Amino acid sequence: MQDFRSKFLEYVIDNEILKFGQFTLKSGRISPYFFNAGLFNTGEKLSFLARCYAKAIVSSGLTFEVLFGPAYKGIPLVSATAMALASEHEINKPYCFNRKEAKDHGEGGTVVGAKLSGNALIIDDVITAGTAIREAADIIAANGAKLCGIAVAMDRQEKGTGELSAIQEIEQNYQIKIISIITLKNIIDYLIESNNESLQQHLIAVSAYREQFGI
């Protein structure tokens, strides 16, 4: 596991952004872990998250011209990631995001920030059903840009209604690469390598969940 992924896992566990226990998901499944990206809710936490997005993007080798953040959760994520790419990696890319409602005055339209053109990389927190991503892909296409990838904080690597996960379906449908800071496999590897007994006690439940619902 790359060093930034280990540090990310340590951080989210310490800050209870990643919790272990019993959690009922929207799907009705009982999950032994829960990742709440909404808890990156301070300047320091958002800054840390953005640096991890930047490292994941750089390590992926993906090339892109513009960053796009889907409203609303994607707006702070894309802004902070653009700053982290510039300050940490000297990659200075334009970014933009959408409004939920079109503006009929000033600059107008639904897209705010840089021009949405060329290869666009979406920055979002997680992908569940994939509905928000499809909406973002439509906005990108409508502006004449091309969706080239998506960066998310976590990939649950979990089956949807069929044999594929929402992420695999999107990768297949759009023929793009999805970058994640961490995956379910990374969580399991971290628990295996941990010397913390209270953490290791969750390994059996998380591994069993992956065996049942994993891709």
N, C-alpha and C. Protein backbone atom coordinates (compact mmCIF):
# COMPACT_ATOMS: atom_id res chain seq x y z
N MET A 1 0.84 -1.19 0.00
CA MET A 1 0.00 0.00 0.00
C MET A 1 0.88 1.26 0.00
N GLN A 2 0.53 2.22 -0.87
CA GLN A 2 1.33 3.44 -0.92
C GLN A 2 1.23 4.20 0.39
N ASP A 3 2.29 4.91 0.74
CA ASP A 3 2.40 5.56 2.04
C ASP A 3 1.26 6.54 2.30
N PHE A 4 0.84 7.30 1.27
CA PHE A 4 -0.21 8.28 1.51
C PHE A 4 -1.55 7.61 1.83
N ARG A 5 -1.75 6.39 1.31
CA ARG A 5 -2.98 5.67 1.62
C ARG A 5 -2.98 5.20 3.08
N SER A 6 -1.83 4.73 3.56
CA SER A 6 -1.72 4.32 4.97
C SER A 6 -1.96 5.51 5.89
N LYS A 7 -1.36 6.65 5.55
CA LYS A 7 -1.54 7.85 6.37
C LYS A 7 -2.98 8.33 6.35
N PHE A 8 -3.61 8.18 5.18
CA PHE A 8 -5.01 8.56 5.07
C PHE A 8 -5.88 7.69 5.97
N LEU A 9 -5.64 6.38 5.95
CA LEU A 9 -6.42 5.47 6.79
C LEU A 9 -6.20 5.76 8.27
N GLU A 10 -4.96 6.00 8.64
CA GLU A 10 -4.67 6.34 10.04
C GLU A 10 -5.43 7.60 10.45
N TYR A 11 -5.45 8.58 9.56
CA TYR A 11 -6.10 9.86 9.84
C TYR A 11 -7.61 9.70 9.98
N VAL A 12 -8.24 8.99 9.04
CA VAL A 12 -9.70 8.88 9.08
C VAL A 12 -10.18 8.03 10.25
N ILE A 13 -9.37 7.06 10.65
CA ILE A 13 -9.73 6.26 11.83
C ILE A 13 -9.58 7.09 13.09
N ASP A 14 -8.45 7.81 13.22
CA ASP A 14 -8.21 8.64 14.40
C ASP A 14 -9.29 9.72 14.56
N ASN A 15 -9.77 10.25 13.42
CA ASN A 15 -10.76 11.33 13.45
C ASN A 15 -12.20 10.83 13.33
N GLU A 16 -12.36 9.50 13.42
CA GLU A 16 -13.68 8.85 13.38
C GLU A 16 -14.47 9.19 12.12
N ILE A 17 -13.75 9.42 11.04
CA ILE A 17 -14.38 9.60 9.73
C ILE A 17 -14.67 8.21 9.16
N LEU A 18 -13.80 7.28 9.47
CA LEU A 18 -14.03 5.86 9.19
C LEU A 18 -14.28 5.17 10.53
N LYS A 19 -15.48 4.59 10.66
CA LYS A 19 -15.84 3.93 11.91
C LYS A 19 -16.14 2.46 11.65
N PHE A 20 -15.97 1.66 12.70
CA PHE A 20 -16.29 0.24 12.63
C PHE A 20 -17.40 -0.07 13.63
N GLY A 21 -18.26 -1.01 13.27
CA GLY A 21 -19.40 -1.37 14.11
C GLY A 21 -20.48 -2.01 13.26
N GLN A 22 -21.72 -1.55 13.43
CA GLN A 22 -22.84 -2.01 12.60
C GLN A 22 -23.59 -0.80 12.08
N PHE A 23 -23.66 -0.68 10.77
CA PHE A 23 -24.28 0.48 10.14
C PHE A 23 -25.22 0.02 9.03
N THR A 24 -26.43 0.53 9.03
CA THR A 24 -27.39 0.21 7.98
C THR A 24 -27.21 1.18 6.82
N LEU A 25 -26.94 0.64 5.64
CA LEU A 25 -26.73 1.46 4.45
C LEU A 25 -28.05 1.72 3.74
N LYS A 26 -28.02 2.64 2.76
CA LYS A 26 -29.22 2.93 1.97
C LYS A 26 -29.75 1.67 1.29
N SER A 27 -28.84 0.80 0.94
CA SER A 27 -29.22 -0.45 0.27
C SER A 27 -29.93 -1.42 1.20
N GLY A 28 -29.88 -1.14 2.50
CA GLY A 28 -30.46 -2.04 3.50
C GLY A 28 -29.45 -3.02 4.06
N ARG A 29 -28.26 -3.07 3.45
CA ARG A 29 -27.22 -3.96 3.95
C ARG A 29 -26.68 -3.45 5.29
N ILE A 30 -26.29 -4.40 6.14
CA ILE A 30 -25.67 -4.04 7.43
C ILE A 30 -24.16 -4.11 7.22
N SER A 31 -23.52 -2.95 7.26
CA SER A 31 -22.08 -2.88 6.99
C SER A 31 -21.29 -2.81 8.29
N PRO A 32 -20.14 -3.49 8.35
CA PRO A 32 -19.30 -3.43 9.55
C PRO A 32 -18.41 -2.19 9.60
N TYR A 33 -18.53 -1.33 8.61
CA TYR A 33 -17.75 -0.09 8.63
C TYR A 33 -18.56 1.01 7.93
N PHE A 34 -18.22 2.25 8.24
CA PHE A 34 -18.90 3.39 7.61
C PHE A 34 -17.91 4.52 7.41
N PHE A 35 -17.86 5.02 6.19
CA PHE A 35 -16.97 6.13 5.83
C PHE A 35 -17.82 7.35 5.59
N ASN A 36 -17.65 8.39 6.43
CA ASN A 36 -18.46 9.61 6.34
C ASN A 36 -17.60 10.77 5.87
N ALA A 37 -17.56 10.99 4.56
CA ALA A 37 -16.72 12.06 3.99
C ALA A 37 -17.20 13.44 4.41
N GLY A 38 -18.44 13.55 4.86
CA GLY A 38 -18.96 14.85 5.31
C GLY A 38 -18.25 15.36 6.55
N LEU A 39 -17.50 14.49 7.23
CA LEU A 39 -16.78 14.90 8.45
C LEU A 39 -15.44 15.57 8.16
N PHE A 40 -15.08 15.70 6.88
CA PHE A 40 -13.93 16.56 6.53
C PHE A 40 -14.45 18.00 6.54
N ASN A 41 -14.75 18.48 7.74
CA ASN A 41 -15.53 19.71 7.87
C ASN A 41 -14.80 20.86 8.56
N THR A 42 -13.48 20.79 8.60
CA THR A 42 -12.69 21.94 9.08
C THR A 42 -11.64 22.25 8.02
N GLY A 43 -11.03 23.42 8.14
CA GLY A 43 -10.00 23.80 7.19
C GLY A 43 -8.86 22.80 7.16
N GLU A 44 -8.44 22.34 8.34
CA GLU A 44 -7.31 21.40 8.42
C GLU A 44 -7.68 20.07 7.80
N LYS A 45 -8.89 19.58 8.09
CA LYS A 45 -9.31 18.28 7.55
C LYS A 45 -9.48 18.34 6.03
N LEU A 46 -10.08 19.42 5.54
CA LEU A 46 -10.26 19.57 4.10
C LEU A 46 -8.92 19.68 3.39
N SER A 47 -7.98 20.39 4.01
CA SER A 47 -6.64 20.53 3.44
C SER A 47 -5.95 19.17 3.34
N PHE A 48 -6.08 18.37 4.38
CA PHE A 48 -5.49 17.02 4.37
C PHE A 48 -6.12 16.18 3.27
N LEU A 49 -7.44 16.21 3.18
CA LEU A 49 -8.15 15.44 2.16
C LEU A 49 -7.70 15.85 0.76
N ALA A 50 -7.59 17.15 0.52
CA ALA A 50 -7.19 17.65 -0.80
C ALA A 50 -5.79 17.19 -1.16
N ARG A 51 -4.88 17.18 -0.19
CA ARG A 51 -3.51 16.71 -0.47
C ARG A 51 -3.52 15.23 -0.86
N CYS A 52 -4.41 14.46 -0.24
CA CYS A 52 -4.51 13.04 -0.58
C CYS A 52 -5.12 12.84 -1.96
N TYR A 53 -6.13 13.64 -2.29
CA TYR A 53 -6.68 13.59 -3.65
C TYR A 53 -5.56 13.88 -4.66
N ALA A 54 -4.79 14.93 -4.38
CA ALA A 54 -3.72 15.33 -5.31
C ALA A 54 -2.71 14.20 -5.49
N LYS A 55 -2.31 13.56 -4.39
CA LYS A 55 -1.35 12.45 -4.49
C LYS A 55 -1.92 11.28 -5.27
N ALA A 56 -3.19 10.96 -5.04
CA ALA A 56 -3.82 9.86 -5.77
C ALA A 56 -3.89 10.16 -7.26
N ILE A 57 -4.22 11.41 -7.60
CA ILE A 57 -4.31 11.82 -9.01
C ILE A 57 -2.95 11.74 -9.67
N VAL A 58 -1.94 12.28 -9.01
CA VAL A 58 -0.59 12.28 -9.58
C VAL A 58 -0.08 10.85 -9.74
N SER A 59 -0.29 10.00 -8.75
CA SER A 59 0.21 8.63 -8.82
C SER A 59 -0.52 7.81 -9.89
N SER A 60 -1.73 8.24 -10.27
CA SER A 60 -2.48 7.51 -11.29
C SER A 60 -1.92 7.72 -12.69
N GLY A 61 -1.22 8.85 -12.90
CA GLY A 61 -0.67 9.16 -14.21
C GLY A 61 -1.70 9.68 -15.20
N LEU A 62 -2.93 9.92 -14.74
CA LEU A 62 -3.99 10.40 -15.63
C LEU A 62 -3.71 11.82 -16.09
N THR A 63 -3.93 12.10 -17.37
CA THR A 63 -3.76 13.45 -17.88
C THR A 63 -5.13 14.09 -18.08
N PHE A 64 -5.23 15.36 -17.78
CA PHE A 64 -6.50 16.08 -17.88
C PHE A 64 -6.22 17.57 -18.05
N GLU A 65 -7.24 18.30 -18.52
CA GLU A 65 -7.09 19.74 -18.75
C GLU A 65 -7.81 20.58 -17.71
N VAL A 66 -8.90 20.05 -17.13
CA VAL A 66 -9.71 20.84 -16.21
C VAL A 66 -10.30 19.93 -15.14
N LEU A 67 -10.47 20.50 -13.94
CA LEU A 67 -11.10 19.78 -12.83
C LEU A 67 -12.54 20.27 -12.71
N PHE A 68 -13.46 19.33 -12.45
CA PHE A 68 -14.88 19.69 -12.32
C PHE A 68 -15.44 19.13 -11.03
N GLY A 69 -16.14 19.98 -10.26
CA GLY A 69 -16.77 19.56 -9.02
C GLY A 69 -18.28 19.63 -9.10
N PRO A 70 -18.97 18.49 -9.02
CA PRO A 70 -20.44 18.50 -9.07
C PRO A 70 -21.03 19.14 -7.80
N ALA A 71 -21.99 20.03 -7.99
CA ALA A 71 -22.66 20.65 -6.84
C ALA A 71 -23.44 19.58 -6.06
N TYR A 72 -23.48 19.66 -4.73
CA TYR A 72 -22.83 20.71 -3.96
C TYR A 72 -21.53 20.23 -3.31
N LYS A 73 -21.49 18.95 -2.99
CA LYS A 73 -20.34 18.43 -2.24
C LYS A 73 -19.04 18.55 -3.01
N GLY A 74 -19.12 18.51 -4.33
CA GLY A 74 -17.91 18.58 -5.13
C GLY A 74 -17.27 19.95 -5.20
N ILE A 75 -18.02 20.99 -4.79
CA ILE A 75 -17.50 22.36 -4.93
C ILE A 75 -16.28 22.61 -4.03
N PRO A 76 -16.37 22.39 -2.70
CA PRO A 76 -15.15 22.57 -1.90
C PRO A 76 -14.06 21.57 -2.24
N LEU A 77 -14.45 20.36 -2.64
CA LEU A 77 -13.46 19.34 -2.96
C LEU A 77 -12.62 19.71 -4.17
N VAL A 78 -13.29 20.20 -5.23
CA VAL A 78 -12.54 20.55 -6.44
C VAL A 78 -11.68 21.79 -6.20
N SER A 79 -12.19 22.75 -5.42
CA SER A 79 -11.41 23.96 -5.13
C SER A 79 -10.15 23.63 -4.35
N ALA A 80 -10.32 22.83 -3.30
CA ALA A 80 -9.17 22.48 -2.45
C ALA A 80 -8.18 21.60 -3.19
N THR A 81 -8.68 20.68 -4.02
CA THR A 81 -7.78 19.79 -4.77
C THR A 81 -6.97 20.57 -5.79
N ALA A 82 -7.59 21.55 -6.45
CA ALA A 82 -6.86 22.39 -7.41
C ALA A 82 -5.72 23.11 -6.70
N MET A 83 -5.97 23.60 -5.49
CA MET A 83 -4.92 24.28 -4.72
C MET A 83 -3.81 23.31 -4.31
N ALA A 84 -4.19 22.10 -3.90
CA ALA A 84 -3.19 21.12 -3.47
C ALA A 84 -2.33 20.67 -4.65
N LEU A 85 -2.92 20.49 -5.82
CA LEU A 85 -2.13 20.11 -7.00
C LEU A 85 -1.11 21.20 -7.34
N ALA A 86 -1.54 22.47 -7.21
CA ALA A 86 -0.65 23.59 -7.53
C ALA A 86 0.46 23.74 -6.50
N SER A 87 0.09 23.69 -5.21
CA SER A 87 1.08 23.97 -4.16
C SER A 87 1.99 22.79 -3.85
N GLU A 88 1.47 21.57 -3.98
CA GLU A 88 2.24 20.37 -3.62
C GLU A 88 2.97 19.73 -4.81
N HIS A 89 2.41 19.92 -6.02
CA HIS A 89 2.95 19.18 -7.18
C HIS A 89 3.26 20.07 -8.37
N GLU A 90 3.06 21.38 -8.21
CA GLU A 90 3.30 22.35 -9.30
C GLU A 90 2.49 21.99 -10.55
N ILE A 91 1.28 21.49 -10.32
CA ILE A 91 0.35 21.21 -11.42
C ILE A 91 -0.78 22.23 -11.31
N ASN A 92 -0.72 23.24 -12.16
CA ASN A 92 -1.66 24.36 -12.07
C ASN A 92 -2.76 24.19 -13.12
N LYS A 93 -3.89 23.64 -12.70
CA LYS A 93 -4.99 23.36 -13.62
C LYS A 93 -6.21 24.22 -13.28
N PRO A 94 -6.96 24.62 -14.30
CA PRO A 94 -8.20 25.36 -14.05
C PRO A 94 -9.25 24.44 -13.44
N TYR A 95 -10.20 25.03 -12.73
CA TYR A 95 -11.29 24.22 -12.17
C TYR A 95 -12.61 24.97 -12.30
N CYS A 96 -13.69 24.21 -12.26
CA CYS A 96 -15.03 24.79 -12.32
C CYS A 96 -16.01 23.87 -11.62
N PHE A 97 -17.21 24.36 -11.44
CA PHE A 97 -18.27 23.57 -10.81
C PHE A 97 -19.60 24.06 -11.35
N ASN A 98 -20.66 23.34 -11.04
CA ASN A 98 -21.97 23.72 -11.56
C ASN A 98 -22.88 24.26 -10.47
N ARG A 99 -23.83 25.06 -10.89
CA ARG A 99 -24.93 25.48 -10.02
C ARG A 99 -26.07 24.49 -10.22
N LYS A 100 -26.92 24.39 -9.22
CA LYS A 100 -28.11 23.55 -9.38
C LYS A 100 -29.15 24.24 -10.25
N GLU A 101 -29.16 25.59 -10.21
CA GLU A 101 -30.12 26.34 -11.01
C GLU A 101 -29.38 27.32 -11.90
N ALA A 102 -29.81 27.45 -13.14
CA ALA A 102 -29.17 28.37 -14.08
C ALA A 102 -29.37 29.81 -13.65
N LYS A 103 -28.37 30.63 -13.89
CA LYS A 103 -28.41 32.05 -13.56
C LYS A 103 -28.71 32.83 -14.84
N ASP A 104 -29.66 33.76 -14.77
CA ASP A 104 -30.03 34.49 -15.99
C ASP A 104 -29.46 35.91 -16.03
N HIS A 105 -28.50 36.20 -15.11
CA HIS A 105 -27.85 37.52 -15.13
C HIS A 105 -26.35 37.33 -14.90
N GLY A 106 -25.58 38.42 -14.98
CA GLY A 106 -24.13 38.29 -14.83
C GLY A 106 -23.57 37.40 -15.93
N GLU A 107 -22.72 36.43 -15.52
CA GLU A 107 -22.13 35.54 -16.52
C GLU A 107 -23.12 34.48 -17.01
N GLY A 108 -24.21 34.29 -16.25
CA GLY A 108 -25.26 33.35 -16.65
C GLY A 108 -24.81 31.90 -16.64
N GLY A 109 -25.72 31.03 -17.05
CA GLY A 109 -25.40 29.62 -17.18
C GLY A 109 -25.37 28.87 -15.86
N THR A 110 -24.93 27.62 -15.94
CA THR A 110 -24.87 26.77 -14.75
C THR A 110 -23.46 26.45 -14.31
N VAL A 111 -22.46 26.74 -15.15
CA VAL A 111 -21.07 26.41 -14.81
C VAL A 111 -20.34 27.66 -14.32
N VAL A 112 -19.68 27.53 -13.18
CA VAL A 112 -18.96 28.63 -12.55
C VAL A 112 -17.46 28.32 -12.54
N GLY A 113 -16.65 29.32 -12.82
CA GLY A 113 -15.19 29.15 -12.78
C GLY A 113 -14.60 29.12 -14.17
N ALA A 114 -13.61 28.27 -14.35
CA ALA A 114 -12.92 28.17 -15.64
C ALA A 114 -13.84 27.58 -16.70
N LYS A 115 -13.45 27.76 -17.96
CA LYS A 115 -14.20 27.18 -19.06
C LYS A 115 -14.12 25.65 -18.99
N LEU A 116 -15.25 25.01 -19.16
CA LEU A 116 -15.30 23.55 -19.11
C LEU A 116 -15.02 23.02 -20.52
N SER A 117 -13.74 22.72 -20.76
CA SER A 117 -13.34 22.25 -22.09
C SER A 117 -12.17 21.28 -21.97
N GLY A 118 -11.97 20.48 -23.02
CA GLY A 118 -10.89 19.50 -23.01
C GLY A 118 -11.25 18.30 -22.15
N ASN A 119 -10.23 17.58 -21.68
CA ASN A 119 -10.44 16.41 -20.82
C ASN A 119 -10.72 16.85 -19.39
N ALA A 120 -11.89 16.46 -18.88
CA ALA A 120 -12.32 16.89 -17.55
C ALA A 120 -12.24 15.75 -16.54
N LEU A 121 -11.67 16.05 -15.38
CA LEU A 121 -11.58 15.10 -14.28
C LEU A 121 -12.54 15.54 -13.18
N ILE A 122 -13.50 14.71 -12.85
CA ILE A 122 -14.46 15.00 -11.78
C ILE A 122 -13.84 14.70 -10.43
N ILE A 123 -14.06 15.60 -9.46
CA ILE A 123 -13.67 15.36 -8.07
C ILE A 123 -14.95 15.23 -7.25
N ASP A 124 -15.15 14.08 -6.61
CA ASP A 124 -16.34 13.86 -5.80
C ASP A 124 -15.95 13.05 -4.57
N ASP A 125 -16.87 12.91 -3.61
CA ASP A 125 -16.50 12.21 -2.37
C ASP A 125 -16.59 10.69 -2.53
N VAL A 126 -17.76 10.19 -2.85
CA VAL A 126 -17.94 8.75 -3.06
C VAL A 126 -18.92 8.55 -4.21
N ILE A 127 -18.97 7.33 -4.73
CA ILE A 127 -19.96 6.99 -5.74
C ILE A 127 -20.82 5.87 -5.16
N THR A 128 -22.12 6.13 -5.05
CA THR A 128 -23.03 5.09 -4.55
C THR A 128 -23.82 4.52 -5.73
N ALA A 129 -24.94 5.16 -6.07
CA ALA A 129 -25.73 4.67 -7.20
C ALA A 129 -25.18 5.16 -8.54
N GLY A 130 -24.39 6.24 -8.51
CA GLY A 130 -23.82 6.77 -9.74
C GLY A 130 -24.68 7.82 -10.43
N THR A 131 -25.85 8.15 -9.83
CA THR A 131 -26.76 9.13 -10.44
C THR A 131 -26.12 10.49 -10.58
N ALA A 132 -25.46 10.96 -9.52
CA ALA A 132 -24.83 12.29 -9.54
C ALA A 132 -23.73 12.35 -10.59
N ILE A 133 -23.01 11.26 -10.77
CA ILE A 133 -21.93 11.22 -11.77
C ILE A 133 -22.51 11.30 -13.18
N ARG A 134 -23.62 10.60 -13.41
CA ARG A 134 -24.24 10.67 -14.73
C ARG A 134 -24.71 12.08 -15.04
N GLU A 135 -25.24 12.77 -14.04
CA GLU A 135 -25.66 14.16 -14.22
C GLU A 135 -24.45 15.04 -14.55
N ALA A 136 -23.34 14.83 -13.83
CA ALA A 136 -22.12 15.60 -14.08
C ALA A 136 -21.57 15.31 -15.47
N ALA A 137 -21.62 14.04 -15.89
CA ALA A 137 -21.13 13.67 -17.22
C ALA A 137 -21.95 14.36 -18.31
N ASP A 138 -23.25 14.49 -18.07
CA ASP A 138 -24.12 15.18 -19.04
C ASP A 138 -23.75 16.66 -19.14
N ILE A 139 -23.44 17.29 -18.01
CA ILE A 139 -23.04 18.71 -18.00
C ILE A 139 -21.73 18.89 -18.76
N ILE A 140 -20.78 17.99 -18.50
CA ILE A 140 -19.48 18.05 -19.18
C ILE A 140 -19.66 17.92 -20.69
N ALA A 141 -20.46 16.94 -21.11
CA ALA A 141 -20.69 16.73 -22.55
C ALA A 141 -21.42 17.92 -23.17
N ALA A 142 -22.38 18.50 -22.45
CA ALA A 142 -23.16 19.62 -22.97
C ALA A 142 -22.29 20.85 -23.20
N ASN A 143 -21.17 20.94 -22.48
CA ASN A 143 -20.25 22.07 -22.63
C ASN A 143 -19.13 21.78 -23.64
N GLY A 144 -19.20 20.62 -24.28
CA GLY A 144 -18.22 20.28 -25.30
C GLY A 144 -16.93 19.69 -24.76
N ALA A 145 -16.91 19.39 -23.46
CA ALA A 145 -15.72 18.77 -22.85
C ALA A 145 -15.87 17.25 -22.86
N LYS A 146 -14.81 16.56 -22.48
CA LYS A 146 -14.83 15.09 -22.46
C LYS A 146 -14.48 14.58 -21.07
N LEU A 147 -15.34 13.76 -20.52
CA LEU A 147 -15.06 13.14 -19.22
C LEU A 147 -13.92 12.13 -19.39
N CYS A 148 -12.82 12.34 -18.65
CA CYS A 148 -11.68 11.42 -18.78
C CYS A 148 -11.43 10.61 -17.52
N GLY A 149 -12.05 11.01 -16.39
CA GLY A 149 -11.84 10.27 -15.16
C GLY A 149 -12.59 10.89 -14.00
N ILE A 150 -12.61 10.16 -12.90
CA ILE A 150 -13.25 10.61 -11.67
C ILE A 150 -12.33 10.27 -10.51
N ALA A 151 -12.16 11.20 -9.58
CA ALA A 151 -11.40 10.93 -8.36
C ALA A 151 -12.35 10.95 -7.17
N VAL A 152 -12.34 9.89 -6.39
CA VAL A 152 -13.20 9.79 -5.21
C VAL A 152 -12.34 9.48 -3.98
N ALA A 153 -12.90 9.73 -2.81
CA ALA A 153 -12.15 9.46 -1.58
C ALA A 153 -12.08 7.96 -1.31
N MET A 154 -13.21 7.26 -1.55
CA MET A 154 -13.22 5.83 -1.24
C MET A 154 -14.02 5.03 -2.25
N ASP A 155 -13.50 3.84 -2.57
CA ASP A 155 -14.20 2.85 -3.39
C ASP A 155 -14.56 1.68 -2.48
N ARG A 156 -15.87 1.47 -2.25
CA ARG A 156 -16.31 0.39 -1.37
C ARG A 156 -16.13 -0.98 -2.01
N GLN A 157 -15.85 -1.02 -3.32
CA GLN A 157 -15.64 -2.30 -4.05
C GLN A 157 -16.77 -3.28 -3.73
N GLU A 158 -17.99 -2.78 -3.84
CA GLU A 158 -19.16 -3.53 -3.43
C GLU A 158 -20.14 -3.68 -4.58
N LYS A 159 -20.72 -4.86 -4.73
CA LYS A 159 -21.70 -5.11 -5.78
C LYS A 159 -22.90 -4.18 -5.63
N GLY A 160 -23.44 -3.79 -6.78
CA GLY A 160 -24.71 -3.06 -6.76
C GLY A 160 -25.84 -4.05 -6.87
N THR A 161 -26.77 -3.79 -7.80
CA THR A 161 -27.89 -4.71 -7.98
C THR A 161 -27.46 -5.96 -8.76
N GLY A 162 -26.37 -5.80 -9.54
CA GLY A 162 -25.84 -6.94 -10.30
C GLY A 162 -24.50 -7.38 -9.75
N GLU A 163 -23.66 -7.88 -10.64
CA GLU A 163 -22.35 -8.37 -10.23
C GLU A 163 -21.29 -7.27 -10.18
N LEU A 164 -21.59 -6.13 -10.80
CA LEU A 164 -20.63 -5.02 -10.83
C LEU A 164 -20.95 -4.00 -9.75
N SER A 165 -19.92 -3.26 -9.33
CA SER A 165 -20.14 -2.14 -8.43
C SER A 165 -20.56 -0.93 -9.25
N ALA A 166 -21.07 0.12 -8.57
CA ALA A 166 -21.44 1.35 -9.27
C ALA A 166 -20.23 1.93 -9.99
N ILE A 167 -19.05 1.84 -9.36
CA ILE A 167 -17.82 2.35 -9.97
C ILE A 167 -17.47 1.55 -11.22
N GLN A 168 -17.55 0.23 -11.15
CA GLN A 168 -17.25 -0.59 -12.33
C GLN A 168 -18.22 -0.30 -13.48
N GLU A 169 -19.49 -0.09 -13.15
CA GLU A 169 -20.49 0.21 -14.18
C GLU A 169 -20.15 1.53 -14.88
N ILE A 170 -19.75 2.53 -14.09
CA ILE A 170 -19.40 3.82 -14.67
C ILE A 170 -18.14 3.70 -15.52
N GLU A 171 -17.13 2.99 -15.02
CA GLU A 171 -15.90 2.78 -15.80
C GLU A 171 -16.21 2.10 -17.13
N GLN A 172 -17.11 1.13 -17.08
CA GLN A 172 -17.47 0.38 -18.28
C GLN A 172 -18.29 1.23 -19.24
N ASN A 173 -19.28 1.93 -18.72
CA ASN A 173 -20.18 2.72 -19.57
C ASN A 173 -19.48 3.90 -20.23
N TYR A 174 -18.58 4.56 -19.48
CA TYR A 174 -17.93 5.77 -20.00
C TYR A 174 -16.51 5.53 -20.49
N GLN A 175 -16.01 4.29 -20.29
CA GLN A 175 -14.65 3.95 -20.71
C GLN A 175 -13.63 4.94 -20.11
N ILE A 176 -13.71 5.11 -18.80
CA ILE A 176 -12.83 6.05 -18.10
C ILE A 176 -12.17 5.34 -16.92
N LYS A 177 -11.25 6.07 -16.31
CA LYS A 177 -10.56 5.56 -15.13
C LYS A 177 -11.11 6.27 -13.89
N ILE A 178 -11.38 5.48 -12.84
CA ILE A 178 -11.80 6.07 -11.57
C ILE A 178 -10.68 5.89 -10.56
N ILE A 179 -10.24 7.00 -10.00
CA ILE A 179 -9.14 7.04 -9.04
C ILE A 179 -9.74 7.12 -7.64
N SER A 180 -9.25 6.32 -6.72
CA SER A 180 -9.73 6.43 -5.34
C SER A 180 -8.53 6.56 -4.41
N ILE A 181 -8.72 7.33 -3.33
CA ILE A 181 -7.65 7.44 -2.33
C ILE A 181 -7.51 6.09 -1.62
N ILE A 182 -8.63 5.51 -1.19
CA ILE A 182 -8.60 4.19 -0.55
C ILE A 182 -9.71 3.30 -1.11
N THR A 183 -9.54 2.00 -0.92
CA THR A 183 -10.54 1.01 -1.29
C THR A 183 -10.83 0.12 -0.08
N LEU A 184 -11.85 -0.71 -0.21
CA LEU A 184 -12.14 -1.68 0.86
C LEU A 184 -10.94 -2.59 1.08
N LYS A 185 -10.27 -2.98 0.00
CA LYS A 185 -9.08 -3.83 0.14
C LYS A 185 -8.01 -3.14 0.98
N ASN A 186 -7.83 -1.83 0.77
CA ASN A 186 -6.85 -1.08 1.57
C ASN A 186 -7.21 -1.12 3.05
N ILE A 187 -8.50 -1.02 3.37
CA ILE A 187 -8.95 -1.07 4.77
C ILE A 187 -8.60 -2.43 5.37
N ILE A 188 -8.89 -3.50 4.63
CA ILE A 188 -8.59 -4.84 5.13
C ILE A 188 -7.09 -5.03 5.33
N ASP A 189 -6.31 -4.59 4.37
CA ASP A 189 -4.84 -4.69 4.49
C ASP A 189 -4.34 -3.91 5.71
N TYR A 190 -4.92 -2.74 5.93
CA TYR A 190 -4.52 -1.91 7.07
C TYR A 190 -4.84 -2.62 8.39
N LEU A 191 -6.01 -3.24 8.46
CA LEU A 191 -6.40 -3.96 9.68
C LEU A 191 -5.48 -5.16 9.92
N ILE A 192 -5.11 -5.84 8.85
CA ILE A 192 -4.20 -6.99 8.96
C ILE A 192 -2.85 -6.56 9.52
N GLU A 193 -2.35 -5.42 9.01
CA GLU A 193 -1.01 -4.95 9.39
C GLU A 193 -0.99 -4.19 10.72
N SER A 194 -2.16 -3.84 11.23
CA SER A 194 -2.22 -3.03 12.45
C SER A 194 -1.80 -3.82 13.68
N ASN A 195 -1.13 -3.13 14.58
CA ASN A 195 -0.78 -3.72 15.88
C ASN A 195 -1.80 -3.37 16.95
N ASN A 196 -2.86 -2.66 16.53
CA ASN A 196 -3.90 -2.22 17.46
C ASN A 196 -4.95 -3.31 17.58
N GLU A 197 -5.05 -3.92 18.78
CA GLU A 197 -5.97 -5.03 18.98
C GLU A 197 -7.42 -4.62 18.80
N SER A 198 -7.77 -3.41 19.21
CA SER A 198 -9.16 -2.96 19.08
C SER A 198 -9.56 -2.80 17.62
N LEU A 199 -8.58 -2.49 16.77
CA LEU A 199 -8.85 -2.41 15.34
C LEU A 199 -8.92 -3.80 14.71
N GLN A 200 -8.00 -4.66 15.11
CA GLN A 200 -7.92 -6.00 14.53
C GLN A 200 -9.18 -6.83 14.79
N GLN A 201 -9.89 -6.48 15.86
CA GLN A 201 -11.10 -7.25 16.18
C GLN A 201 -12.20 -7.08 15.12
N HIS A 202 -12.06 -6.04 14.28
CA HIS A 202 -13.06 -5.81 13.23
C HIS A 202 -12.70 -6.51 11.92
N LEU A 203 -11.52 -7.11 11.86
CA LEU A 203 -11.04 -7.71 10.61
C LEU A 203 -11.95 -8.83 10.11
N ILE A 204 -12.40 -9.70 11.00
CA ILE A 204 -13.23 -10.84 10.58
C ILE A 204 -14.53 -10.35 9.95
N ALA A 205 -15.18 -9.38 10.60
CA ALA A 205 -16.47 -8.87 10.11
C ALA A 205 -16.31 -8.16 8.77
N VAL A 206 -15.25 -7.34 8.64
CA VAL A 206 -15.04 -6.60 7.39
C VAL A 206 -14.68 -7.57 6.26
N SER A 207 -13.86 -8.56 6.55
CA SER A 207 -13.47 -9.55 5.54
C SER A 207 -14.69 -10.37 5.11
N ALA A 208 -15.54 -10.73 6.05
CA ALA A 208 -16.75 -11.51 5.73
C ALA A 208 -17.70 -10.68 4.87
N TYR A 209 -17.79 -9.40 5.15
CA TYR A 209 -18.65 -8.51 4.36
C TYR A 209 -18.14 -8.43 2.93
N ARG A 210 -16.83 -8.33 2.78
CA ARG A 210 -16.26 -8.28 1.44
C ARG A 210 -16.51 -9.60 0.70
N GLU A 211 -16.37 -10.70 1.42
CA GLU A 211 -16.62 -12.02 0.81
C GLU A 211 -18.05 -12.13 0.29
N GLN A 212 -19.00 -11.55 1.03
CA GLN A 212 -20.40 -11.65 0.65
C GLN A 212 -20.80 -10.65 -0.44
N PHE A 213 -20.34 -9.41 -0.29
CA PHE A 213 -20.82 -8.36 -1.18
C PHE A 213 -19.75 -7.76 -2.10
N GLY A 214 -18.49 -8.14 -1.90
CA GLY A 214 -17.41 -7.53 -2.67
C GLY A 214 -17.39 -7.95 -4.13
N ILE A 215 -16.71 -7.16 -4.92
CA ILE A 215 -16.58 -7.45 -6.36
C ILE A 215 -15.29 -8.23 -6.60
